[in-house]
Amino acid sequence: MKEIRADVWIASSFLRAKQTAEIIAEGLKVSVVLDDDLQEMRAGQALGMNKETLDELLALHNPKQNPFSVIAPGAENWPQFVLRVGSALNRICHQYEGKTIAIVCHGGVIDCSFQFFFGLNAFEMPKVGFQTNHTSITHWSRQEDKTWSLIKYNDARHLEGH
């Protein structure tokens, strides 16, 4: 973690990201701001379902064919998720303009970051697939011309030797 030097640390308020952020905060002696808008896609009534029922719902759910479908009542669809995360990233980038920001989040949020930073259509699933690994690091950099560059993706070197 010594390679990451951030002015601001933000984390999803979902348990996994929050716990990871707490470990980072303790180790680096930094404070972390929790942000509900950086949560993974909200599953609505699918949250807490048993595996068999969830597998049945997933078999019927195809966001690539219909991005507006939901897995269960109260769940987000893909465009709602992308717009929530994109709005959060936009807010964070403006709020902390000129600062280095580290965000502890989930794979779906990283997937949405591609759509946000590359300016892809929020109303459909990307034409490319992302295989974001747990605990990996994604690094974006804002250029002088205000465009974004992807510096690294799925970097897990910090886990080597552990």
C-alpha atoms as a PDB file:
ATOM      1  CA  MET A   1       0.000   0.000   0.000  1.00  0.00           C
ATOM      2  CA  LYS A   2       2.985   2.318   0.215  1.00  0.00           C
ATOM      3  CA  GLU A   3       2.689   3.006  -3.512  1.00  0.00           C
ATOM      4  CA  ILE A   4      -0.750   4.610  -3.050  1.00  0.00           C
ATOM      5  CA  ARG A   5      -0.529   8.146  -1.792  1.00  0.00           C
ATOM      6  CA  ALA A   6      -3.885   9.853  -1.793  1.00  0.00           C
ATOM      7  CA  ASP A   7      -5.131  13.160  -0.462  1.00  0.00           C
ATOM      8  CA  VAL A   8      -8.640  11.774  -0.050  1.00  0.00           C
ATOM      9  CA  TRP A   9      -9.830   8.249   0.769  1.00  0.00           C
ATOM     10  CA  ILE A  10     -13.446   7.338  -0.006  1.00  0.00           C
ATOM     11  CA  ALA A  11     -15.167   3.961   0.339  1.00  0.00           C
ATOM     12  CA  SER A  12     -18.452   2.324  -0.446  1.00  0.00           C
ATOM     13  CA  SER A  13     -20.565   1.936   2.654  1.00  0.00           C
ATOM     14  CA  PHE A  14     -21.237  -1.738   1.844  1.00  0.00           C
ATOM     15  CA  LEU A  15     -19.619  -4.016   4.423  1.00  0.00           C
ATOM     16  CA  ARG A  16     -16.787  -5.568   2.343  1.00  0.00           C
ATOM     17  CA  ALA A  17     -15.490  -2.241   1.069  1.00  0.00           C
ATOM     18  CA  LYS A  18     -16.012  -0.556   4.428  1.00  0.00           C
ATOM     19  CA  GLN A  19     -14.009  -3.264   6.229  1.00  0.00           C
ATOM     20  CA  THR A  20     -11.201  -3.052   3.646  1.00  0.00           C
ATOM     21  CA  ALA A  21     -11.153   0.730   3.976  1.00  0.00           C
ATOM     22  CA  GLU A  22     -10.929   0.439   7.768  1.00  0.00           C
ATOM     23  CA  ILE A  23      -7.859  -1.800   7.431  1.00  0.00           C
ATOM     24  CA  ILE A  24      -6.273   0.664   4.992  1.00  0.00           C
ATOM     25  CA  ALA A  25      -7.137   3.628   7.227  1.00  0.00           C
ATOM     26  CA  GLU A  26      -5.548   1.991  10.252  1.00  0.00           C
ATOM     27  CA  GLY A  27      -2.426   0.964   8.354  1.00  0.00           C
ATOM     28  CA  LEU A  28      -1.893   4.309   6.633  1.00  0.00           C
ATOM     29  CA  LYS A  29      -3.211   6.489   9.465  1.00  0.00           C
ATOM     30  CA  VAL A  30      -5.744   8.208   7.213  1.00  0.00           C
ATOM     31  CA  SER A  31      -9.449   8.914   7.491  1.00  0.00           C
ATOM     32  CA  VAL A  32     -11.978   7.441   5.062  1.00  0.00           C
ATOM     33  CA  VAL A  33     -15.233   9.027   3.922  1.00  0.00           C
ATOM     34  CA  LEU A  34     -18.062   6.517   3.337  1.00  0.00           C
ATOM     35  CA  ASP A  35     -20.249   7.119   0.300  1.00  0.00           C
ATOM     36  CA  ASP A  36     -23.524   5.227  -0.275  1.00  0.00           C
ATOM     37  CA  ASP A  37     -23.460   6.095  -3.993  1.00  0.00           C
ATOM     38  CA  LEU A  38     -20.373   3.891  -4.471  1.00  0.00           C
ATOM     39  CA  GLN A  39     -22.217   0.741  -3.406  1.00  0.00           C
ATOM     40  CA  GLU A  40     -22.397  -2.244  -5.749  1.00  0.00           C
ATOM     41  CA  MET A  41     -25.539  -2.636  -7.864  1.00  0.00           C
ATOM     42  CA  ARG A  42     -28.484  -2.740  -5.498  1.00  0.00           C
ATOM     43  CA  ALA A  43     -30.220  -6.119  -5.585  1.00  0.00           C
ATOM     44  CA  GLY A  44     -33.560  -5.133  -4.034  1.00  0.00           C
ATOM     45  CA  GLN A  45     -35.564  -8.167  -2.887  1.00  0.00           C
ATOM     46  CA  ALA A  46     -32.915 -10.517  -4.294  1.00  0.00           C
ATOM     47  CA  LEU A  47     -30.701  -9.579  -1.350  1.00  0.00           C
ATOM     48  CA  GLY A  48     -30.629 -12.464   1.099  1.00  0.00           C
ATOM     49  CA  MET A  49     -32.361 -14.980  -1.184  1.00  0.00           C
ATOM     50  CA  ASN A  50     -31.152 -18.542  -1.097  1.00  0.00           C
ATOM     51  CA  LYS A  51     -28.809 -19.651  -3.880  1.00  0.00           C
ATOM     52  CA  GLU A  52     -31.375 -21.763  -5.747  1.00  0.00           C
ATOM     53  CA  THR A  53     -33.915 -18.934  -5.984  1.00  0.00           C
ATOM     54  CA  LEU A  54     -31.215 -16.446  -6.933  1.00  0.00           C
ATOM     55  CA  ASP A  55     -29.878 -18.770  -9.655  1.00  0.00           C
ATOM     56  CA  GLU A  56     -33.415 -19.014 -11.110  1.00  0.00           C
ATOM     57  CA  LEU A  57     -33.715 -15.223 -11.192  1.00  0.00           C
ATOM     58  CA  LEU A  58     -30.263 -14.839 -12.744  1.00  0.00           C
ATOM     59  CA  ALA A  59     -31.169 -17.313 -15.498  1.00  0.00           C
ATOM     60  CA  LEU A  60     -34.100 -15.083 -16.486  1.00  0.00           C
ATOM     61  CA  HIS A  61     -32.161 -11.819 -16.143  1.00  0.00           C
ATOM     62  CA  ASN A  62     -30.235 -10.739 -19.252  1.00  0.00           C
ATOM     63  CA  PRO A  63     -29.148  -7.085 -19.046  1.00  0.00           C
ATOM     64  CA  LYS A  64     -27.201  -7.372 -22.327  1.00  0.00           C
ATOM     65  CA  GLN A  65     -30.492  -7.959 -24.181  1.00  0.00           C
ATOM     66  CA  ASN A  66     -32.571  -5.654 -21.978  1.00  0.00           C
ATOM     67  CA  PRO A  67     -30.505  -3.272 -19.815  1.00  0.00           C
ATOM     68  CA  PHE A  68     -33.696  -1.990 -18.175  1.00  0.00           C
ATOM     69  CA  SER A  69     -34.611  -5.383 -16.692  1.00  0.00           C
ATOM     70  CA  VAL A  70     -34.154  -5.955 -12.976  1.00  0.00           C
ATOM     71  CA  ILE A  71     -33.233  -9.121 -11.147  1.00  0.00           C
ATOM     72  CA  ALA A  72     -35.963  -8.620  -8.510  1.00  0.00           C
ATOM     73  CA  PRO A  73     -38.426  -5.993  -7.307  1.00  0.00           C
ATOM     74  CA  GLY A  74     -36.670  -2.987  -5.809  1.00  0.00           C
ATOM     75  CA  ALA A  75     -33.411  -3.771  -7.618  1.00  0.00           C
ATOM     76  CA  GLU A  76     -31.546  -1.346  -9.849  1.00  0.00           C
ATOM     77  CA  ASN A  77     -31.309  -1.894 -13.562  1.00  0.00           C
ATOM     78  CA  TRP A  78     -28.036  -1.324 -15.412  1.00  0.00           C
ATOM     79  CA  PRO A  79     -28.705   2.293 -16.515  1.00  0.00           C
ATOM     80  CA  GLN A  80     -29.801   3.276 -12.983  1.00  0.00           C
ATOM     81  CA  PHE A  81     -26.604   1.762 -11.578  1.00  0.00           C
ATOM     82  CA  VAL A  82     -24.365   3.461 -14.167  1.00  0.00           C
ATOM     83  CA  LEU A  83     -26.066   6.813 -13.644  1.00  0.00           C
ATOM     84  CA  ARG A  84     -25.780   6.552  -9.833  1.00  0.00           C
ATOM     85  CA  VAL A  85     -22.107   5.636  -9.939  1.00  0.00           C
ATOM     86  CA  GLY A  86     -21.326   8.091 -12.753  1.00  0.00           C
ATOM     87  CA  SER A  87     -23.026  10.891 -10.825  1.00  0.00           C
ATOM     88  CA  ALA A  88     -21.010   9.979  -7.728  1.00  0.00           C
ATOM     89  CA  LEU A  89     -17.732   9.938  -9.670  1.00  0.00           C
ATOM     90  CA  ASN A  90     -18.605  13.274 -11.265  1.00  0.00           C
ATOM     91  CA  ARG A  91     -19.422  14.777  -7.833  1.00  0.00           C
ATOM     92  CA  ILE A  92     -16.244  13.382  -6.266  1.00  0.00           C
ATOM     93  CA  CYS A  93     -14.020  14.590  -9.116  1.00  0.00           C
ATOM     94  CA  HIS A  94     -15.446  18.104  -8.848  1.00  0.00           C
ATOM     95  CA  GLN A  95     -15.460  18.188  -5.047  1.00  0.00           C
ATOM     96  CA  TYR A  96     -11.806  17.123  -4.813  1.00  0.00           C
ATOM     97  CA  GLU A  97     -10.523  18.786  -8.012  1.00  0.00           C
ATOM     98  CA  GLY A  98      -6.717  18.761  -8.146  1.00  0.00           C
ATOM     99  CA  LYS A  99      -6.379  16.129  -5.410  1.00  0.00           C
ATOM    100  CA  THR A 100      -5.387  12.481  -5.623  1.00  0.00           C
ATOM    101  CA  ILE A 101      -8.429  10.377  -4.732  1.00  0.00           C
ATOM    102  CA  ALA A 102      -8.452   6.714  -3.707  1.00  0.00           C
ATOM    103  CA  ILE A 103     -11.776   4.883  -3.744  1.00  0.00           C
ATOM    104  CA  VAL A 104     -12.340   1.497  -2.122  1.00  0.00           C
ATOM    105  CA  CYS A 105     -15.267  -0.038  -3.971  1.00  0.00           C
ATOM    106  CA  HIS A 106     -16.673  -3.011  -5.857  1.00  0.00           C
ATOM    107  CA  GLY A 107     -16.124  -4.574  -9.279  1.00  0.00           C
ATOM    108  CA  GLY A 108     -19.372  -3.204 -10.682  1.00  0.00           C
ATOM    109  CA  VAL A 109     -18.339   0.310  -9.675  1.00  0.00           C
ATOM    110  CA  ILE A 110     -15.042  -0.184 -11.517  1.00  0.00           C
ATOM    111  CA  ASP A 111     -17.019  -1.392 -14.557  1.00  0.00           C
ATOM    112  CA  CYS A 112     -19.131   1.772 -14.372  1.00  0.00           C
ATOM    113  CA  SER A 113     -15.977   3.882 -14.134  1.00  0.00           C
ATOM    114  CA  PHE A 114     -15.093   2.741 -17.681  1.00  0.00           C
ATOM    115  CA  GLN A 115     -18.427   4.025 -18.918  1.00  0.00           C
ATOM    116  CA  PHE A 116     -18.017   7.304 -17.031  1.00  0.00           C
ATOM    117  CA  PHE A 117     -14.380   8.121 -17.827  1.00  0.00           C
ATOM    118  CA  PHE A 118     -14.548   6.925 -21.450  1.00  0.00           C
ATOM    119  CA  GLY A 119     -17.929   8.604 -22.007  1.00  0.00           C
ATOM    120  CA  LEU A 120     -19.694   5.394 -23.060  1.00  0.00           C
ATOM    121  CA  ASN A 121     -23.467   5.076 -23.378  1.00  0.00           C
ATOM    122  CA  ALA A 122     -24.989   4.639 -19.917  1.00  0.00           C
ATOM    123  CA  PHE A 123     -28.176   3.095 -21.292  1.00  0.00           C
ATOM    124  CA  GLU A 124     -26.672  -0.151 -22.525  1.00  0.00           C
ATOM    125  CA  MET A 125     -24.200  -2.719 -21.333  1.00  0.00           C
ATOM    126  CA  PRO A 126     -20.707  -2.086 -22.716  1.00  0.00           C
ATOM    127  CA  LYS A 127     -19.833  -4.033 -25.863  1.00  0.00           C
ATOM    128  CA  VAL A 128     -16.692  -5.257 -24.084  1.00  0.00           C
ATOM    129  CA  GLY A 129     -16.588  -7.365 -20.952  1.00  0.00           C
ATOM    130  CA  PHE A 130     -14.641  -6.474 -17.851  1.00  0.00           C
ATOM    131  CA  GLN A 131     -13.328  -9.125 -15.489  1.00  0.00           C
ATOM    132  CA  THR A 132     -12.471  -6.970 -12.504  1.00  0.00           C
ATOM    133  CA  ASN A 133     -10.705  -9.062  -9.868  1.00  0.00           C
ATOM    134  CA  HIS A 134     -11.359  -8.712  -6.156  1.00  0.00           C
ATOM    135  CA  THR A 135      -8.802  -6.525  -4.335  1.00  0.00           C
ATOM    136  CA  SER A 136      -7.241  -5.330  -7.589  1.00  0.00           C
ATOM    137  CA  ILE A 137      -6.233  -1.738  -8.228  1.00  0.00           C
ATOM    138  CA  THR A 138      -7.528   0.391 -11.078  1.00  0.00           C
ATOM    139  CA  HIS A 139      -5.779   3.723 -11.680  1.00  0.00           C
ATOM    140  CA  TRP A 140      -7.253   6.582 -13.693  1.00  0.00           C
ATOM    141  CA  SER A 141      -5.429   9.834 -14.399  1.00  0.00           C
ATOM    142  CA  ARG A 142      -6.888  13.124 -15.600  1.00  0.00           C
ATOM    143  CA  GLN A 143      -4.815  14.722 -18.322  1.00  0.00           C
ATOM    144  CA  GLU A 144      -4.206  18.432 -18.834  1.00  0.00           C
ATOM    145  CA  ASP A 145      -6.747  18.457 -21.679  1.00  0.00           C
ATOM    146  CA  LYS A 146      -9.377  17.154 -19.173  1.00  0.00           C
ATOM    147  CA  THR A 147      -9.528  13.687 -20.771  1.00  0.00           C
ATOM    148  CA  TRP A 148      -8.993  10.546 -18.735  1.00  0.00           C
ATOM    149  CA  SER A 149      -6.367   7.846 -19.180  1.00  0.00           C
ATOM    150  CA  LEU A 150      -6.477   4.341 -17.758  1.00  0.00           C
ATOM    151  CA  ILE A 151      -3.061   3.807 -16.150  1.00  0.00           C
ATOM    152  CA  LYS A 152      -3.650   0.329 -14.701  1.00  0.00           C
ATOM    153  CA  TYR A 153      -6.448  -2.193 -14.375  1.00  0.00           C
ATOM    154  CA  ASN A 154      -6.685  -5.414 -12.340  1.00  0.00           C
ATOM    155  CA  ASP A 155      -3.293  -4.765 -10.762  1.00  0.00           C
ATOM    156  CA  ALA A 156      -2.830  -7.193  -7.865  1.00  0.00           C
ATOM    157  CA  ARG A 157       0.934  -6.857  -7.310  1.00  0.00           C
ATOM    158  CA  HIS A 158       0.247  -5.678  -3.765  1.00  0.00           C
ATOM    159  CA  LEU A 159      -0.887  -9.248  -2.977  1.00  0.00           C
ATOM    160  CA  GLU A 160       2.280 -10.946  -4.185  1.00  0.00           C
ATOM    161  CA  GLY A 161       4.211 -12.711  -1.472  1.00  0.00           C
ATOM    162  CA  HIS A 162       1.208 -12.745   0.900  1.00  0.00           C
END
